[in-house]
Amino acid sequence: MNVLFVTESKRGCWQLVGRIEALGCRCWFASDPKEIRRIIEFCDIGLVLSTRPITEGSQLMSLLKAPKRTVFYSFPVEDSCLWFQAVPTEAHGPHVSAIRPSEFMSILDNLCTSSRC
């Protein structure tokens, strides 16, 4: 699976990138809509992880929403972050408003292994 990180800095994602790459996924990085568009036209992105909010009606939502693509965004909280699923909203059972980091890692593991990264 190809994973796109939408972030201003790769530095803050290094642990997450390492875990995803260990599952055999390929990671891509983009910081603006032009880069995002170029990457999603170039390769089949199955998972998007963003450090920016991706909400209904936003430019990022219209750019990233696609069949068979899962999109999450993070929101910083103290020394950690909460994750929110933007697309599809009902993919992992009942809608959860926020996902803690430990729960999120389990979801990522399941997504990557079920997609045979």
PDB file of N, CA and C in Angstrom:
ATOM      1  N   MET A   1       0.844  -1.174   0.000  1.00  0.00           N
ATOM      2  CA  MET A   1       0.000   0.000   0.000  1.00  0.00           C
ATOM      3  C   MET A   1       0.892   1.241   0.000  1.00  0.00           C
ATOM      4  N   ASN A   2       0.501   2.217  -0.770  1.00  0.00           N
ATOM      5  CA  ASN A   2       1.169   3.512  -0.758  1.00  0.00           C
ATOM      6  C   ASN A   2       0.481   4.397   0.265  1.00  0.00           C
ATOM      7  N   VAL A   3       1.291   5.035   1.119  1.00  0.00           N
ATOM      8  CA  VAL A   3       0.781   5.890   2.180  1.00  0.00           C
ATOM      9  C   VAL A   3       1.288   7.304   1.946  1.00  0.00           C
ATOM     10  N   LEU A   4       0.382   8.260   1.946  1.00  0.00           N
ATOM     11  CA  LEU A   4       0.741   9.661   1.763  1.00  0.00           C
ATOM     12  C   LEU A   4       0.640  10.380   3.098  1.00  0.00           C
ATOM     13  N   PHE A   5       1.722  11.030   3.487  1.00  0.00           N
ATOM     14  CA  PHE A   5       1.736  11.896   4.658  1.00  0.00           C
ATOM     15  C   PHE A   5       1.581  13.330   4.177  1.00  0.00           C
ATOM     16  N   VAL A   6       0.558  14.007   4.665  1.00  0.00           N
ATOM     17  CA  VAL A   6       0.366  15.425   4.356  1.00  0.00           C
ATOM     18  C   VAL A   6       0.833  16.173   5.590  1.00  0.00           C
ATOM     19  N   THR A   7       2.028  16.760   5.488  1.00  0.00           N
ATOM     20  CA  THR A   7       2.661  17.385   6.642  1.00  0.00           C
ATOM     21  C   THR A   7       3.683  18.422   6.190  1.00  0.00           C
ATOM     22  N   GLU A   8       3.931  19.367   7.043  1.00  0.00           N
ATOM     23  CA  GLU A   8       4.952  20.387   6.759  1.00  0.00           C
ATOM     24  C   GLU A   8       6.354  19.853   7.029  1.00  0.00           C
ATOM     25  N   SER A   9       6.455  18.872   7.930  1.00  0.00           N
ATOM     26  CA  SER A   9       7.766  18.372   8.319  1.00  0.00           C
ATOM     27  C   SER A   9       7.746  16.857   8.491  1.00  0.00           C
ATOM     28  N   LYS A  10       8.674  16.190   7.846  1.00  0.00           N
ATOM     29  CA  LYS A  10       8.808  14.742   7.995  1.00  0.00           C
ATOM     30  C   LYS A  10       9.303  14.390   9.398  1.00  0.00           C
ATOM     31  N   ARG A  11       9.996  15.314  10.013  1.00  0.00           N
ATOM     32  CA  ARG A  11      10.639  15.077  11.301  1.00  0.00           C
ATOM     33  C   ARG A  11       9.653  14.608  12.369  1.00  0.00           C
ATOM     34  N   GLY A  12       8.464  15.177  12.414  1.00  0.00           N
ATOM     35  CA  GLY A  12       7.491  14.826  13.435  1.00  0.00           C
ATOM     36  C   GLY A  12       6.810  13.484  13.217  1.00  0.00           C
ATOM     37  N   CYS A  13       7.038  12.858  12.065  1.00  0.00           N
ATOM     38  CA  CYS A  13       6.356  11.610  11.714  1.00  0.00           C
ATOM     39  C   CYS A  13       7.272  10.400  11.702  1.00  0.00           C
ATOM     40  N   TRP A  14       8.521  10.552  12.072  1.00  0.00           N
ATOM     41  CA  TRP A  14       9.503   9.498  11.831  1.00  0.00           C
ATOM     42  C   TRP A  14       9.145   8.167  12.481  1.00  0.00           C
ATOM     43  N   GLN A  15       8.584   8.166  13.694  1.00  0.00           N
ATOM     44  CA  GLN A  15       8.225   6.891  14.330  1.00  0.00           C
ATOM     45  C   GLN A  15       7.090   6.205  13.578  1.00  0.00           C
ATOM     46  N   LEU A  16       6.110   6.973  13.188  1.00  0.00           N
ATOM     47  CA  LEU A  16       4.972   6.440  12.446  1.00  0.00           C
ATOM     48  C   LEU A  16       5.423   5.916  11.081  1.00  0.00           C
ATOM     49  N   VAL A  17       6.282   6.662  10.409  1.00  0.00           N
ATOM     50  CA  VAL A  17       6.815   6.233   9.110  1.00  0.00           C
ATOM     51  C   VAL A  17       7.569   4.914   9.264  1.00  0.00           C
ATOM     52  N   GLY A  18       8.397   4.818  10.290  1.00  0.00           N
ATOM     53  CA  GLY A  18       9.159   3.597  10.524  1.00  0.00           C
ATOM     54  C   GLY A  18       8.257   2.387  10.720  1.00  0.00           C
ATOM     55  N   ARG A  19       7.201   2.569  11.470  1.00  0.00           N
ATOM     56  CA  ARG A  19       6.275   1.455  11.718  1.00  0.00           C
ATOM     57  C   ARG A  19       5.557   1.045  10.438  1.00  0.00           C
ATOM     58  N   ILE A  20       5.121   2.013   9.667  1.00  0.00           N
ATOM     59  CA  ILE A  20       4.411   1.721   8.420  1.00  0.00           C
ATOM     60  C   ILE A  20       5.341   1.074   7.398  1.00  0.00           C
ATOM     61  N   GLU A  21       6.562   1.577   7.301  1.00  0.00           N
ATOM     62  CA  GLU A  21       7.521   0.973   6.369  1.00  0.00           C
ATOM     63  C   GLU A  21       7.884  -0.448   6.795  1.00  0.00           C
ATOM     64  N   ALA A  22       7.927  -0.705   8.101  1.00  0.00           N
ATOM     65  CA  ALA A  22       8.217  -2.061   8.590  1.00  0.00           C
ATOM     66  C   ALA A  22       7.134  -3.047   8.171  1.00  0.00           C
ATOM     67  N   LEU A  23       5.931  -2.544   7.905  1.00  0.00           N
ATOM     68  CA  LEU A  23       4.838  -3.393   7.421  1.00  0.00           C
ATOM     69  C   LEU A  23       4.904  -3.579   5.900  1.00  0.00           C
ATOM     70  N   GLY A  24       5.893  -2.962   5.266  1.00  0.00           N
ATOM     71  CA  GLY A  24       6.086  -3.121   3.830  1.00  0.00           C
ATOM     72  C   GLY A  24       5.426  -2.060   2.979  1.00  0.00           C
ATOM     73  N   CYS A  25       4.899  -1.023   3.595  1.00  0.00           N
ATOM     74  CA  CYS A  25       4.251   0.051   2.831  1.00  0.00           C
ATOM     75  C   CYS A  25       5.289   1.046   2.330  1.00  0.00           C
ATOM     76  N   ARG A  26       4.933   1.751   1.287  1.00  0.00           N
ATOM     77  CA  ARG A  26       5.791   2.802   0.747  1.00  0.00           C
ATOM     78  C   ARG A  26       5.208   4.149   1.144  1.00  0.00           C
ATOM     79  N   CYS A  27       6.040   5.030   1.675  1.00  0.00           N
ATOM     80  CA  CYS A  27       5.574   6.328   2.166  1.00  0.00           C
ATOM     81  C   CYS A  27       5.955   7.460   1.216  1.00  0.00           C
ATOM     82  N   TRP A  28       5.024   8.375   1.052  1.00  0.00           N
ATOM     83  CA  TRP A  28       5.192   9.574   0.251  1.00  0.00           C
ATOM     84  C   TRP A  28       4.888  10.777   1.137  1.00  0.00           C
ATOM     85  N   PHE A  29       5.435  11.942   0.792  1.00  0.00           N
ATOM     86  CA  PHE A  29       5.229  13.142   1.594  1.00  0.00           C
ATOM     87  C   PHE A  29       4.850  14.314   0.702  1.00  0.00           C
ATOM     88  N   ALA A  30       3.908  15.117   1.192  1.00  0.00           N
ATOM     89  CA  ALA A  30       3.494  16.325   0.478  1.00  0.00           C
ATOM     90  C   ALA A  30       3.091  17.367   1.504  1.00  0.00           C
ATOM     91  N   SER A  31       3.312  18.640   1.150  1.00  0.00           N
ATOM     92  CA  SER A  31       2.959  19.700   2.079  1.00  0.00           C
ATOM     93  C   SER A  31       1.947  20.691   1.512  1.00  0.00           C
ATOM     94  N   ASP A  32       1.682  20.619   0.216  1.00  0.00           N
ATOM     95  CA  ASP A  32       0.709  21.551  -0.356  1.00  0.00           C
ATOM     96  C   ASP A  32      -0.147  20.833  -1.409  1.00  0.00           C
ATOM     97  N   PRO A  33      -1.282  21.424  -1.776  1.00  0.00           N
ATOM     98  CA  PRO A  33      -2.203  20.769  -2.722  1.00  0.00           C
ATOM     99  C   PRO A  33      -1.562  20.387  -4.056  1.00  0.00           C
ATOM    100  N   LYS A  34      -0.638  21.184  -4.550  1.00  0.00           N
ATOM    101  CA  LYS A  34       0.020  20.867  -5.823  1.00  0.00           C
ATOM    102  C   LYS A  34       0.821  19.563  -5.712  1.00  0.00           C
ATOM    103  N   GLU A  35       1.587  19.427  -4.628  1.00  0.00           N
ATOM    104  CA  GLU A  35       2.354  18.195  -4.414  1.00  0.00           C
ATOM    105  C   GLU A  35       1.423  16.999  -4.204  1.00  0.00           C
ATOM    106  N   ILE A  36       0.364  17.204  -3.432  1.00  0.00           N
ATOM    107  CA  ILE A  36      -0.605  16.133  -3.185  1.00  0.00           C
ATOM    108  C   ILE A  36      -1.184  15.643  -4.502  1.00  0.00           C
ATOM    109  N   ARG A  37      -1.630  16.553  -5.325  1.00  0.00           N
ATOM    110  CA  ARG A  37      -2.235  16.200  -6.622  1.00  0.00           C
ATOM    111  C   ARG A  37      -1.250  15.411  -7.481  1.00  0.00           C
ATOM    112  N   ARG A  38       0.005  15.859  -7.512  1.00  0.00           N
ATOM    113  CA  ARG A  38       1.029  15.183  -8.321  1.00  0.00           C
ATOM    114  C   ARG A  38       1.231  13.747  -7.842  1.00  0.00           C
ATOM    115  N   ILE A  39       1.293  13.544  -6.542  1.00  0.00           N
ATOM    116  CA  ILE A  39       1.522  12.196  -5.999  1.00  0.00           C
ATOM    117  C   ILE A  39       0.314  11.297  -6.231  1.00  0.00           C
ATOM    118  N   ILE A  40      -0.901  11.786  -5.980  1.00  0.00           N
ATOM    119  CA  ILE A  40      -2.061  10.903  -6.147  1.00  0.00           C
ATOM    120  C   ILE A  40      -2.354  10.600  -7.611  1.00  0.00           C
ATOM    121  N   GLU A  41      -1.860  11.445  -8.517  1.00  0.00           N
ATOM    122  CA  GLU A  41      -1.985  11.127  -9.948  1.00  0.00           C
ATOM    123  C   GLU A  41      -0.920  10.113 -10.363  1.00  0.00           C
ATOM    124  N   PHE A  42       0.218  10.120  -9.689  1.00  0.00           N
ATOM    125  CA  PHE A  42       1.351   9.266 -10.026  1.00  0.00           C
ATOM    126  C   PHE A  42       1.192   7.844  -9.496  1.00  0.00           C
ATOM    127  N   CYS A  43       0.673   7.703  -8.284  1.00  0.00           N
ATOM    128  CA  CYS A  43       0.570   6.368  -7.706  1.00  0.00           C
ATOM    129  C   CYS A  43      -0.752   6.190  -6.970  1.00  0.00           C
ATOM    130  N   ASP A  44      -1.093   4.948  -6.760  1.00  0.00           N
ATOM    131  CA  ASP A  44      -2.344   4.588  -6.110  1.00  0.00           C
ATOM    132  C   ASP A  44      -2.166   4.697  -4.595  1.00  0.00           C
ATOM    133  N   ILE A  45      -2.680   5.769  -4.025  1.00  0.00           N
ATOM    134  CA  ILE A  45      -2.567   5.999  -2.586  1.00  0.00           C
ATOM    135  C   ILE A  45      -3.761   5.360  -1.893  1.00  0.00           C
ATOM    136  N   GLY A  46      -3.491   4.442  -0.969  1.00  0.00           N
ATOM    137  CA  GLY A  46      -4.562   3.763  -0.248  1.00  0.00           C
ATOM    138  C   GLY A  46      -4.834   4.354   1.120  1.00  0.00           C
ATOM    139  N   LEU A  47      -3.845   5.068   1.671  1.00  0.00           N
ATOM    140  CA  LEU A  47      -3.965   5.626   3.012  1.00  0.00           C
ATOM    141  C   LEU A  47      -3.324   6.999   3.038  1.00  0.00           C
ATOM    142  N   VAL A  48      -4.030   7.962   3.640  1.00  0.00           N
ATOM    143  CA  VAL A  48      -3.503   9.316   3.816  1.00  0.00           C
ATOM    144  C   VAL A  48      -3.511   9.632   5.298  1.00  0.00           C
ATOM    145  N   LEU A  49      -2.380  10.132   5.790  1.00  0.00           N
ATOM    146  CA  LEU A  49      -2.246  10.571   7.173  1.00  0.00           C
ATOM    147  C   LEU A  49      -1.825  12.032   7.142  1.00  0.00           C
ATOM    148  N   SER A  50      -2.637  12.889   7.726  1.00  0.00           N
ATOM    149  CA  SER A  50      -2.407  14.326   7.631  1.00  0.00           C
ATOM    150  C   SER A  50      -2.243  14.968   8.999  1.00  0.00           C
ATOM    151  N   THR A  51      -1.382  15.956   9.061  1.00  0.00           N
ATOM    152  CA  THR A  51      -1.256  16.762  10.275  1.00  0.00           C
ATOM    153  C   THR A  51      -2.148  17.997  10.180  1.00  0.00           C
ATOM    154  N   ARG A  52      -2.870  18.126   9.092  1.00  0.00           N
ATOM    155  CA  ARG A  52      -3.832  19.223   8.915  1.00  0.00           C
ATOM    156  C   ARG A  52      -5.238  18.656   8.949  1.00  0.00           C
ATOM    157  N   PRO A  53      -6.200  19.421   9.476  1.00  0.00           N
ATOM    158  CA  PRO A  53      -7.592  18.947   9.483  1.00  0.00           C
ATOM    159  C   PRO A  53      -8.118  18.728   8.060  1.00  0.00           C
ATOM    160  N   ILE A  54      -8.845  17.638   7.904  1.00  0.00           N
ATOM    161  CA  ILE A  54      -9.490  17.332   6.627  1.00  0.00           C
ATOM    162  C   ILE A  54     -10.973  17.175   6.935  1.00  0.00           C
ATOM    163  N   THR A  55     -11.697  18.232   6.724  1.00  0.00           N
ATOM    164  CA  THR A  55     -13.110  18.251   7.077  1.00  0.00           C
ATOM    165  C   THR A  55     -13.975  18.363   5.829  1.00  0.00           C
ATOM    166  N   GLU A  56     -15.240  17.976   5.980  1.00  0.00           N
ATOM    167  CA  GLU A  56     -16.191  18.014   4.871  1.00  0.00           C
ATOM    168  C   GLU A  56     -16.209  19.407   4.255  1.00  0.00           C
ATOM    169  N   GLY A  57     -16.094  19.467   2.952  1.00  0.00           N
ATOM    170  CA  GLY A  57     -16.139  20.733   2.229  1.00  0.00           C
ATOM    171  C   GLY A  57     -14.797  21.433   2.095  1.00  0.00           C
ATOM    172  N   SER A  58     -13.756  20.926   2.748  1.00  0.00           N
ATOM    173  CA  SER A  58     -12.439  21.571   2.656  1.00  0.00           C
ATOM    174  C   SER A  58     -11.759  21.201   1.338  1.00  0.00           C
ATOM    175  N   GLN A  59     -10.789  22.004   0.946  1.00  0.00           N
ATOM    176  CA  GLN A  59     -10.033  21.742  -0.282  1.00  0.00           C
ATOM    177  C   GLN A  59      -9.327  20.389  -0.193  1.00  0.00           C
ATOM    178  N   LEU A  60      -8.767  20.074   0.974  1.00  0.00           N
ATOM    179  CA  LEU A  60      -8.080  18.789   1.128  1.00  0.00           C
ATOM    180  C   LEU A  60      -9.049  17.615   0.997  1.00  0.00           C
ATOM    181  N   MET A  61     -10.259  17.765   1.541  1.00  0.00           N
ATOM    182  CA  MET A  61     -11.243  16.681   1.439  1.00  0.00           C
ATOM    183  C   MET A  61     -11.570  16.404  -0.027  1.00  0.00           C
ATOM    184  N   SER A  62     -11.833  17.443  -0.788  1.00  0.00           N
ATOM    185  CA  SER A  62     -12.187  17.234  -2.196  1.00  0.00           C
ATOM    186  C   SER A  62     -11.015  16.650  -2.980  1.00  0.00           C
ATOM    187  N   LEU A  63      -9.811  16.963  -2.586  1.00  0.00           N
ATOM    188  CA  LEU A  63      -8.621  16.454  -3.264  1.00  0.00           C
ATOM    189  C   LEU A  63      -8.324  14.998  -2.899  1.00  0.00           C
ATOM    190  N   LEU A  64      -8.555  14.624  -1.650  1.00  0.00           N
ATOM    191  CA  LEU A  64      -8.138  13.309  -1.151  1.00  0.00           C
ATOM    192  C   LEU A  64      -9.216  12.242  -1.161  1.00  0.00           C
ATOM    193  N   LYS A  65     -10.469  12.627  -1.164  1.00  0.00           N
ATOM    194  CA  LYS A  65     -11.553  11.651  -1.104  1.00  0.00           C
ATOM    195  C   LYS A  65     -11.587  10.828  -2.392  1.00  0.00           C
ATOM    196  N   ALA A  66     -11.538   9.511  -2.229  1.00  0.00           N
ATOM    197  CA  ALA A  66     -11.551   8.608  -3.381  1.00  0.00           C
ATOM    198  C   ALA A  66     -11.990   7.227  -2.907  1.00  0.00           C
ATOM    199  N   PRO A  67     -12.574   6.439  -3.814  1.00  0.00           N
ATOM    200  CA  PRO A  67     -12.941   5.066  -3.443  1.00  0.00           C
ATOM    201  C   PRO A  67     -11.696   4.286  -3.004  1.00  0.00           C
ATOM    202  N   LYS A  68     -11.859   3.446  -2.023  1.00  0.00           N
ATOM    203  CA  LYS A  68     -10.790   2.570  -1.519  1.00  0.00           C
ATOM    204  C   LYS A  68      -9.610   3.340  -0.921  1.00  0.00           C
ATOM    205  N   ARG A  69      -9.823   4.586  -0.509  1.00  0.00           N
ATOM    206  CA  ARG A  69      -8.769   5.359   0.150  1.00  0.00           C
ATOM    207  C   ARG A  69      -9.264   5.722   1.553  1.00  0.00           C
ATOM    208  N   THR A  70      -8.421   5.493   2.537  1.00  0.00           N
ATOM    209  CA  THR A  70      -8.726   5.839   3.915  1.00  0.00           C
ATOM    210  C   THR A  70      -7.897   7.065   4.293  1.00  0.00           C
ATOM    211  N   VAL A  71      -8.553   8.034   4.925  1.00  0.00           N
ATOM    212  CA  VAL A  71      -7.892   9.292   5.270  1.00  0.00           C
ATOM    213  C   VAL A  71      -8.088   9.590   6.753  1.00  0.00           C
ATOM    214  N   PHE A  72      -6.976   9.867   7.441  1.00  0.00           N
ATOM    215  CA  PHE A  72      -6.993  10.272   8.837  1.00  0.00           C
ATOM    216  C   PHE A  72      -6.252  11.595   8.979  1.00  0.00           C
ATOM    217  N   TYR A  73      -6.631  12.373   9.967  1.00  0.00           N
ATOM    218  CA  TYR A  73      -5.853  13.560  10.305  1.00  0.00           C
ATOM    219  C   TYR A  73      -5.648  13.615  11.808  1.00  0.00           C
ATOM    220  N   SER A  74      -4.561  14.260  12.204  1.00  0.00           N
ATOM    221  CA  SER A  74      -4.224  14.330  13.630  1.00  0.00           C
ATOM    222  C   SER A  74      -4.437  15.739  14.166  1.00  0.00           C
ATOM    223  N   PHE A  75      -4.619  15.787  15.486  1.00  0.00           N
ATOM    224  CA  PHE A  75      -4.759  17.052  16.181  1.00  0.00           C
ATOM    225  C   PHE A  75      -3.878  16.975  17.422  1.00  0.00           C
ATOM    226  N   PRO A  76      -2.900  17.886  17.556  1.00  0.00           N
ATOM    227  CA  PRO A  76      -1.984  17.813  18.696  1.00  0.00           C
ATOM    228  C   PRO A  76      -2.683  18.085  20.027  1.00  0.00           C
ATOM    229  N   VAL A  77      -2.323  17.272  21.038  1.00  0.00           N
ATOM    230  CA  VAL A  77      -2.836  17.424  22.397  1.00  0.00           C
ATOM    231  C   VAL A  77      -1.679  17.159  23.346  1.00  0.00           C
ATOM    232  N   GLU A  78      -1.262  18.166  24.090  1.00  0.00           N
ATOM    233  CA  GLU A  78      -0.134  18.085  25.016  1.00  0.00           C
ATOM    234  C   GLU A  78       1.074  17.452  24.335  1.00  0.00           C
ATOM    235  N   ASP A  79       1.553  16.301  24.829  1.00  0.00           N
ATOM    236  CA  ASP A  79       2.742  15.657  24.261  1.00  0.00           C
ATOM    237  C   ASP A  79       2.394  14.588  23.241  1.00  0.00           C
ATOM    238  N   SER A  80       1.172  14.570  22.764  1.00  0.00           N
ATOM    239  CA  SER A  80       0.730  13.523  21.857  1.00  0.00           C
ATOM    240  C   SER A  80      -0.232  14.126  20.833  1.00  0.00           C
ATOM    241  N   CYS A  81      -1.128  13.296  20.315  1.00  0.00           N
ATOM    242  CA  CYS A  81      -2.143  13.781  19.380  1.00  0.00           C
ATOM    243  C   CYS A  81      -3.334  12.832  19.387  1.00  0.00           C
ATOM    244  N   LEU A  82      -4.431  13.336  18.915  1.00  0.00           N
ATOM    245  CA  LEU A  82      -5.622  12.512  18.682  1.00  0.00           C
ATOM    246  C   LEU A  82      -5.773  12.382  17.181  1.00  0.00           C
ATOM    247  N   TRP A  83      -6.315  11.262  16.734  1.00  0.00           N
ATOM    248  CA  TRP A  83      -6.536  11.023  15.310  1.00  0.00           C
ATOM    249  C   TRP A  83      -8.026  10.995  15.023  1.00  0.00           C
ATOM    250  N   PHE A  84      -8.388  11.503  13.868  1.00  0.00           N
ATOM    251  CA  PHE A  84      -9.772  11.527  13.419  1.00  0.00           C
ATOM    252  C   PHE A  84      -9.825  10.916  12.024  1.00  0.00           C
ATOM    253  N   GLN A  85     -10.826  10.096  11.783  1.00  0.00           N
ATOM    254  CA  GLN A  85     -10.982   9.508  10.460  1.00  0.00           C
ATOM    255  C   GLN A  85     -11.870  10.411   9.618  1.00  0.00           C
ATOM    256  N   ALA A  86     -11.338  10.854   8.486  1.00  0.00           N
ATOM    257  CA  ALA A  86     -12.075  11.753   7.595  1.00  0.00           C
ATOM    258  C   ALA A  86     -12.809  10.986   6.502  1.00  0.00           C
ATOM    259  N   VAL A  87     -12.170   9.939   5.958  1.00  0.00           N
ATOM    260  CA  VAL A  87     -12.750   9.166   4.858  1.00  0.00           C
ATOM    261  C   VAL A  87     -12.360   7.711   5.013  1.00  0.00           C
ATOM    262  N   PRO A  88     -13.232   6.763   4.851  1.00  0.00           N
ATOM    263  CA  PRO A  88     -14.676   6.865   5.035  1.00  0.00           C
ATOM    264  C   PRO A  88     -14.982   7.005   6.513  1.00  0.00           C
ATOM    265  N   THR A  89     -16.077   7.604   6.847  1.00  0.00           N
ATOM    266  CA  THR A  89     -16.378   7.893   8.248  1.00  0.00           C
ATOM    267  C   THR A  89     -16.839   6.665   9.019  1.00  0.00           C
ATOM    268  N   GLU A  90     -17.339   5.642   8.362  1.00  0.00           N
ATOM    269  CA  GLU A  90     -17.879   4.474   9.064  1.00  0.00           C
ATOM    270  C   GLU A  90     -17.024   3.220   8.915  1.00  0.00           C
ATOM    271  N   ALA A  91     -15.788   3.338   8.527  1.00  0.00           N
ATOM    272  CA  ALA A  91     -14.971   2.178   8.183  1.00  0.00           C
ATOM    273  C   ALA A  91     -14.651   1.242   9.355  1.00  0.00           C
ATOM    274  N   HIS A  92     -14.534   1.734  10.542  1.00  0.00           N
ATOM    275  CA  HIS A  92     -14.099   0.885  11.648  1.00  0.00           C
ATOM    276  C   HIS A  92     -15.162   0.798  12.730  1.00  0.00           C
ATOM    277  N   GLY A  93     -16.358   0.421  12.339  1.00  0.00           N
ATOM    278  CA  GLY A  93     -17.450   0.269  13.298  1.00  0.00           C
ATOM    279  C   GLY A  93     -18.124   1.592  13.556  1.00  0.00           C
ATOM    280  N   PRO A  94     -18.743   1.711  14.716  1.00  0.00           N
ATOM    281  CA  PRO A  94     -19.449   2.946  15.040  1.00  0.00           C
ATOM    282  C   PRO A  94     -18.513   4.150  14.956  1.00  0.00           C
ATOM    283  N   HIS A  95     -19.044   5.272  14.527  1.00  0.00           N
ATOM    284  CA  HIS A  95     -18.230   6.476  14.370  1.00  0.00           C
ATOM    285  C   HIS A  95     -17.602   6.873  15.699  1.00  0.00           C
ATOM    286  N   VAL A  96     -16.296   7.050  15.694  1.00  0.00           N
ATOM    287  CA  VAL A  96     -15.559   7.466  16.872  1.00  0.00           C
ATOM    288  C   VAL A  96     -15.066   8.877  16.613  1.00  0.00           C
ATOM    289  N   SER A  97     -15.329   9.765  17.555  1.00  0.00           N
ATOM    290  CA  SER A  97     -14.953  11.152  17.319  1.00  0.00           C
ATOM    291  C   SER A  97     -13.446  11.363  17.397  1.00  0.00           C
ATOM    292  N   ALA A  98     -12.761  10.657  18.271  1.00  0.00           N
ATOM    293  CA  ALA A  98     -11.312  10.802  18.390  1.00  0.00           C
ATOM    294  C   ALA A  98     -10.699   9.442  18.697  1.00  0.00           C
ATOM    295  N   ILE A  99      -9.508   9.210  18.148  1.00  0.00           N
ATOM    296  CA  ILE A  99      -8.815   7.940  18.330  1.00  0.00           C
ATOM    297  C   ILE A  99      -7.489   8.225  19.038  1.00  0.00           C
ATOM    298  N   ARG A 100      -7.267   7.556  20.154  1.00  0.00           N
ATOM    299  CA  ARG A 100      -6.016   7.715  20.885  1.00  0.00           C
ATOM    300  C   ARG A 100      -4.869   7.050  20.116  1.00  0.00           C
ATOM    301  N   PRO A 101      -3.628   7.503  20.335  1.00  0.00           N
ATOM    302  CA  PRO A 101      -2.483   6.947  19.597  1.00  0.00           C
ATOM    303  C   PRO A 101      -2.374   5.427  19.662  1.00  0.00           C
ATOM    304  N   SER A 102      -2.597   4.821  20.815  1.00  0.00           N
ATOM    305  CA  SER A 102      -2.477   3.359  20.912  1.00  0.00           C
ATOM    306  C   SER A 102      -3.544   2.663  20.075  1.00  0.00           C
ATOM    307  N   GLU A 103      -4.764   3.185  20.093  1.00  0.00           N
ATOM    308  CA  GLU A 103      -5.842   2.628  19.265  1.00  0.00           C
ATOM    309  C   GLU A 103      -5.544   2.848  17.781  1.00  0.00           C
ATOM    310  N   PHE A 104      -4.991   3.998  17.479  1.00  0.00           N
ATOM    311  CA  PHE A 104      -4.684   4.335  16.093  1.00  0.00           C
ATOM    312  C   PHE A 104      -3.644   3.383  15.509  1.00  0.00           C
ATOM    313  N   MET A 105      -2.639   3.037  16.285  1.00  0.00           N
ATOM    314  CA  MET A 105      -1.610   2.121  15.786  1.00  0.00           C
ATOM    315  C   MET A 105      -2.211   0.763  15.470  1.00  0.00           C
ATOM    316  N   SER A 106      -3.144   0.314  16.252  1.00  0.00           N
ATOM    317  CA  SER A 106      -3.820  -0.951  15.990  1.00  0.00           C
ATOM    318  C   SER A 106      -4.619  -0.874  14.687  1.00  0.00           C
ATOM    319  N   ILE A 107      -5.299   0.232  14.466  1.00  0.00           N
ATOM    320  CA  ILE A 107      -6.055   0.437  13.223  1.00  0.00           C
ATOM    321  C   ILE A 107      -5.111   0.444  12.026  1.00  0.00           C
ATOM    322  N   LEU A 108      -3.987   1.138  12.153  1.00  0.00           N
ATOM    323  CA  LEU A 108      -3.008   1.171  11.051  1.00  0.00           C
ATOM    324  C   LEU A 108      -2.463  -0.220  10.751  1.00  0.00           C
ATOM    325  N   ASP A 109      -2.127  -0.970  11.796  1.00  0.00           N
ATOM    326  CA  ASP A 109      -1.634  -2.333  11.596  1.00  0.00           C
ATOM    327  C   ASP A 109      -2.656  -3.161  10.820  1.00  0.00           C
ATOM    328  N   ASN A 110      -3.926  -3.061  11.212  1.00  0.00           N
ATOM    329  CA  ASN A 110      -4.980  -3.809  10.525  1.00  0.00           C
ATOM    330  C   ASN A 110      -5.142  -3.362   9.089  1.00  0.00           C
ATOM    331  N   LEU A 111      -5.119  -2.065   8.849  1.00  0.00           N
ATOM    332  CA  LEU A 111      -5.251  -1.550   7.470  1.00  0.00           C
ATOM    333  C   LEU A 111      -4.113  -2.053   6.588  1.00  0.00           C
ATOM    334  N   CYS A 112      -2.898  -1.943   7.102  1.00  0.00           N
ATOM    335  CA  CYS A 112      -1.733  -2.326   6.298  1.00  0.00           C
ATOM    336  C   CYS A 112      -1.665  -3.829   6.059  1.00  0.00           C
ATOM    337  N   THR A 113      -1.955  -4.620   7.066  1.00  0.00           N
ATOM    338  CA  THR A 113      -1.875  -6.070   6.871  1.00  0.00           C
ATOM    339  C   THR A 113      -3.025  -6.587   6.026  1.00  0.00           C
ATOM    340  N   SER A 114      -4.203  -5.990   6.144  1.00  0.00           N
ATOM    341  CA  SER A 114      -5.332  -6.442   5.316  1.00  0.00           C
ATOM    342  C   SER A 114      -5.176  -6.011   3.869  1.00  0.00           C
ATOM    343  N   SER A 115      -4.387  -4.958   3.638  1.00  0.00           N
ATOM    344  CA  SER A 115      -4.150  -4.494   2.274  1.00  0.00           C
ATOM    345  C   SER A 115      -2.912  -5.130   1.660  1.00  0.00           C
ATOM    346  N   ARG A 116      -2.234  -5.945   2.462  1.00  0.00           N
ATOM    347  CA  ARG A 116      -0.993  -6.612   2.005  1.00  0.00           C
ATOM    348  C   ARG A 116      -0.025  -5.621   1.415  1.00  0.00           C
ATOM    349  N   CYS A 117       0.408  -4.678   2.267  1.00  0.00           N
ATOM    350  CA  CYS A 117       1.337  -3.617   1.862  1.00  0.00           C
ATOM    351  C   CYS A 117       2.491  -4.196   1.068  1.00  0.00           C
TER     352      CYS A 117
END
